[in-house]
N, C-alpha and C. Protein backbone atom coordinates (compact mmCIF):
# COMPACT_ATOMS: atom_id res chain seq x y z
N MET A 1 280.73 75.89 171.67
CA MET A 1 280.43 74.81 171.28
C MET A 1 281.04 73.37 171.01
N SER A 2 282.19 73.77 170.06
CA SER A 2 282.80 73.09 169.75
C SER A 2 283.26 71.89 171.28
N ALA A 3 283.72 72.38 172.50
CA ALA A 3 284.06 71.57 173.15
C ALA A 3 283.42 70.71 173.86
N ARG A 4 281.91 71.53 174.07
CA ARG A 4 280.73 70.45 174.22
C ARG A 4 280.53 69.63 173.32
N MET A 5 280.53 70.13 172.24
CA MET A 5 280.34 68.28 171.37
C MET A 5 281.15 67.51 171.35
N ILE A 6 282.41 67.99 171.33
CA ILE A 6 283.48 66.97 171.64
C ILE A 6 283.33 66.18 173.20
N LEU A 7 283.09 66.64 174.33
CA LEU A 7 282.94 66.50 175.40
C LEU A 7 281.68 65.51 175.07
N SER A 8 280.54 65.67 174.71
CA SER A 8 279.31 64.76 174.54
C SER A 8 279.55 63.77 173.89
N GLY A 9 281.00 63.03 173.51
CA GLY A 9 280.94 62.26 172.48
C GLY A 9 280.78 61.95 171.06
N ILE A 10 280.66 63.23 170.65
CA ILE A 10 280.61 63.58 168.95
C ILE A 10 281.98 63.39 168.37
N GLN A 11 282.11 62.40 167.44
CA GLN A 11 283.46 62.56 166.89
C GLN A 11 283.17 63.23 165.68
N PRO A 12 284.76 64.68 165.50
CA PRO A 12 284.54 65.70 164.11
C PRO A 12 284.47 64.93 162.83
N GLU A 13 285.01 63.50 162.51
CA GLU A 13 284.94 62.60 161.45
C GLU A 13 283.42 62.79 160.90
N ASP A 14 282.45 62.59 162.67
CA ASP A 14 280.82 62.20 161.76
C ASP A 14 280.23 63.23 161.96
N GLU A 15 280.80 64.67 162.10
CA GLU A 15 279.75 65.54 162.31
C GLU A 15 280.85 66.75 161.88
N ALA A 16 280.00 67.20 160.10
CA ALA A 16 280.56 68.06 159.16
C ALA A 16 280.68 69.54 160.17
N TYR A 17 279.79 70.33 160.77
CA TYR A 17 279.41 71.71 161.29
C TYR A 17 280.86 71.19 162.24
N LEU A 18 281.26 70.29 163.14
CA LEU A 18 282.12 70.14 164.39
C LEU A 18 283.34 70.22 163.52
N GLN A 19 283.48 69.82 162.50
CA GLN A 19 284.78 69.29 161.49
C GLN A 19 285.28 70.41 161.16
N SER A 20 284.47 71.50 160.47
CA SER A 20 284.85 72.90 160.06
C SER A 20 285.11 73.74 161.19
N GLN A 21 284.54 73.93 162.15
CA GLN A 21 285.03 74.48 163.70
C GLN A 21 286.32 74.76 164.25
N LEU A 22 286.57 73.00 164.03
CA LEU A 22 288.02 72.57 164.31
C LEU A 22 289.13 72.92 163.28
N ALA A 23 288.96 73.21 162.18
CA ALA A 23 289.32 73.44 161.14
C ALA A 23 289.99 74.64 161.41
N LEU A 24 288.17 76.10 161.46
CA LEU A 24 288.65 77.16 161.57
C LEU A 24 289.73 77.60 162.76
N MET A 25 289.35 76.67 163.86
CA MET A 25 290.10 77.30 165.11
C MET A 25 291.47 77.08 164.74
N ALA A 26 291.85 76.07 164.29
CA ALA A 26 293.16 75.57 163.71
C ALA A 26 294.05 76.90 163.15
N LYS A 27 293.06 77.10 161.84
CA LYS A 27 293.52 77.91 161.19
C LYS A 27 294.06 79.38 161.79
N VAL A 28 293.14 79.68 162.37
CA VAL A 28 293.65 80.97 163.42
C VAL A 28 294.43 80.71 164.53
N GLU A 29 295.05 79.98 165.36
CA GLU A 29 296.11 79.49 165.88
C GLU A 29 297.24 79.38 165.08
N ARG A 30 297.56 78.55 163.75
CA ARG A 30 298.06 78.74 163.09
C ARG A 30 298.50 80.26 163.14
N LYS A 31 297.54 80.70 162.07
CA LYS A 31 298.00 82.27 161.92
C LYS A 31 298.73 83.19 163.07
N GLY A 32 297.90 83.44 164.54
CA GLY A 32 298.60 83.66 165.55
C GLY A 32 300.09 83.22 165.80
N LEU A 33 300.46 82.16 165.53
CA LEU A 33 301.67 81.79 165.80
C LEU A 33 302.66 82.50 164.73
N LYS A 34 301.95 82.31 163.36
CA LYS A 34 302.95 82.81 162.41
C LYS A 34 303.24 84.17 162.46
N GLU A 35 302.66 84.88 163.36
CA GLU A 35 302.96 86.25 163.79
C GLU A 35 303.23 86.42 165.20
N GLY A 36 303.76 85.57 165.65
CA GLY A 36 304.50 85.28 166.48
C GLY A 36 303.53 85.66 168.15
N ARG A 37 302.55 85.16 168.10
CA ARG A 37 301.80 85.20 169.22
C ARG A 37 301.70 83.58 169.92
N ILE A 38 302.00 83.31 171.04
CA ILE A 38 302.73 82.47 171.35
C ILE A 38 301.68 82.84 172.68
N PRO A 39 300.26 81.45 173.10
CA PRO A 39 299.72 82.11 173.86
C PRO A 39 300.45 81.67 175.52
N ILE A 40 300.47 82.14 176.74
CA ILE A 40 300.89 81.84 178.09
C ILE A 40 300.36 82.20 178.95
N ASP A 41 300.02 81.02 179.65
CA ASP A 41 298.91 81.30 180.87
C ASP A 41 299.57 82.15 182.01
N ASP A 42 298.29 82.81 182.57
CA ASP A 42 298.56 83.75 182.90
C ASP A 42 299.91 84.98 183.02
N THR A 43 299.28 85.71 182.03
CA THR A 43 300.14 86.75 181.21
C THR A 43 299.00 87.81 181.04
N TYR A 44 300.11 88.89 180.97
CA TYR A 44 299.37 90.74 180.42
C TYR A 44 299.48 90.58 179.38
N TYR A 45 299.09 91.78 178.39
CA TYR A 45 299.53 92.26 177.22
C TYR A 45 299.53 93.65 177.81
N LEU A 46 300.80 94.21 177.39
CA LEU A 46 301.50 95.68 178.09
C LEU A 46 301.84 96.16 177.33
N MET A 47 301.81 97.47 177.46
CA MET A 47 301.25 98.38 175.76
C MET A 47 302.57 99.74 176.96
N GLY A 48 303.25 100.42 176.08
CA GLY A 48 303.97 101.56 177.03
C GLY A 48 304.10 103.23 176.11
N THR A 49 304.12 103.47 176.97
CA THR A 49 304.10 104.89 176.33
C THR A 49 305.25 105.85 177.22
N THR A 50 305.23 107.46 176.92
CA THR A 50 306.25 107.74 177.79
C THR A 50 305.44 108.44 178.98
N ASP A 51 305.67 109.18 179.84
CA ASP A 51 305.11 109.99 181.22
C ASP A 51 304.74 111.11 180.86
N PRO A 52 303.29 111.63 180.22
CA PRO A 52 303.06 113.14 179.90
C PRO A 52 302.53 114.07 180.98
N THR A 53 302.50 113.01 182.22
CA THR A 53 302.58 114.33 183.72
C THR A 53 303.47 114.36 184.00
N GLY A 54 304.87 113.74 183.61
CA GLY A 54 306.11 114.05 184.06
C GLY A 54 306.38 113.50 186.39
N THR A 55 305.04 112.48 186.14
CA THR A 55 305.05 112.29 187.36
C THR A 55 305.88 111.32 187.92
N LEU A 56 306.70 110.32 186.98
CA LEU A 56 307.26 109.18 186.93
C LEU A 56 309.36 109.75 187.23
N LYS A 57 309.71 108.93 188.41
CA LYS A 57 311.35 109.55 188.23
C LYS A 57 311.99 108.31 187.04
N ARG A 58 313.20 108.61 187.02
CA ARG A 58 313.66 107.90 186.24
C ARG A 58 313.68 106.50 186.60
N ASP A 59 313.89 105.45 185.60
CA ASP A 59 313.60 103.68 185.72
C ASP A 59 312.72 103.58 186.79
N GLN A 60 311.35 104.73 186.98
CA GLN A 60 310.06 104.11 187.48
C GLN A 60 309.25 103.79 186.51
N VAL A 61 308.39 102.65 186.57
CA VAL A 61 307.04 102.39 185.29
C VAL A 61 305.58 102.60 186.53
N CYS A 62 304.75 102.89 185.65
CA CYS A 62 303.62 103.04 186.45
C CYS A 62 302.28 101.62 185.62
N ILE A 63 301.57 100.82 185.69
CA ILE A 63 301.52 99.69 185.92
C ILE A 63 299.48 99.96 185.85
N ILE A 64 299.14 100.10 184.66
CA ILE A 64 297.48 100.11 185.20
C ILE A 64 296.71 99.11 184.57
N LEU A 65 296.44 98.47 185.62
CA LEU A 65 295.34 96.77 185.07
C LEU A 65 294.02 97.45 184.52
N TYR A 66 294.14 96.17 183.32
CA TYR A 66 292.99 96.69 182.51
C TYR A 66 291.42 96.52 183.49
N ALA A 67 290.49 97.69 183.64
CA ALA A 67 289.39 97.61 183.93
C ALA A 67 289.37 98.06 185.59
N SER A 68 290.86 98.48 186.12
CA SER A 68 290.80 98.90 187.45
C SER A 68 291.70 99.92 187.68
N ASN A 69 291.90 101.00 188.40
CA ASN A 69 292.24 102.02 189.34
C ASN A 69 293.34 101.76 189.72
N PHE A 70 293.98 100.49 189.99
CA PHE A 70 295.29 100.21 191.02
C PHE A 70 296.35 100.94 189.70
N CYS A 71 297.41 101.00 190.66
CA CYS A 71 298.80 101.77 189.55
C CYS A 71 299.87 101.65 190.78
N HIS A 72 300.45 100.55 190.32
CA HIS A 72 301.61 100.23 190.95
C HIS A 72 303.02 100.80 190.43
N ILE A 73 303.98 101.49 191.32
CA ILE A 73 305.10 101.87 190.66
C ILE A 73 306.34 101.92 191.23
N SER A 74 307.50 101.39 190.79
CA SER A 74 308.67 100.53 191.14
C SER A 74 309.32 101.04 190.15
């Protein structure tokens, strides 16, 4: 909604709601940066675990994409 307001020509200094939303967004971004979260386009969040089934060989990994049944072993 904030983006639509800005694109329609509303200036944050003229609209208290927009100003508060932008301040909140900036606060969230700063907090993420302090925690080491740097947004990078076209990337994935990867979590690792052991192979409980013993299927993988040494130096192999299985990557399961979220909401997908695809498994790539390399």
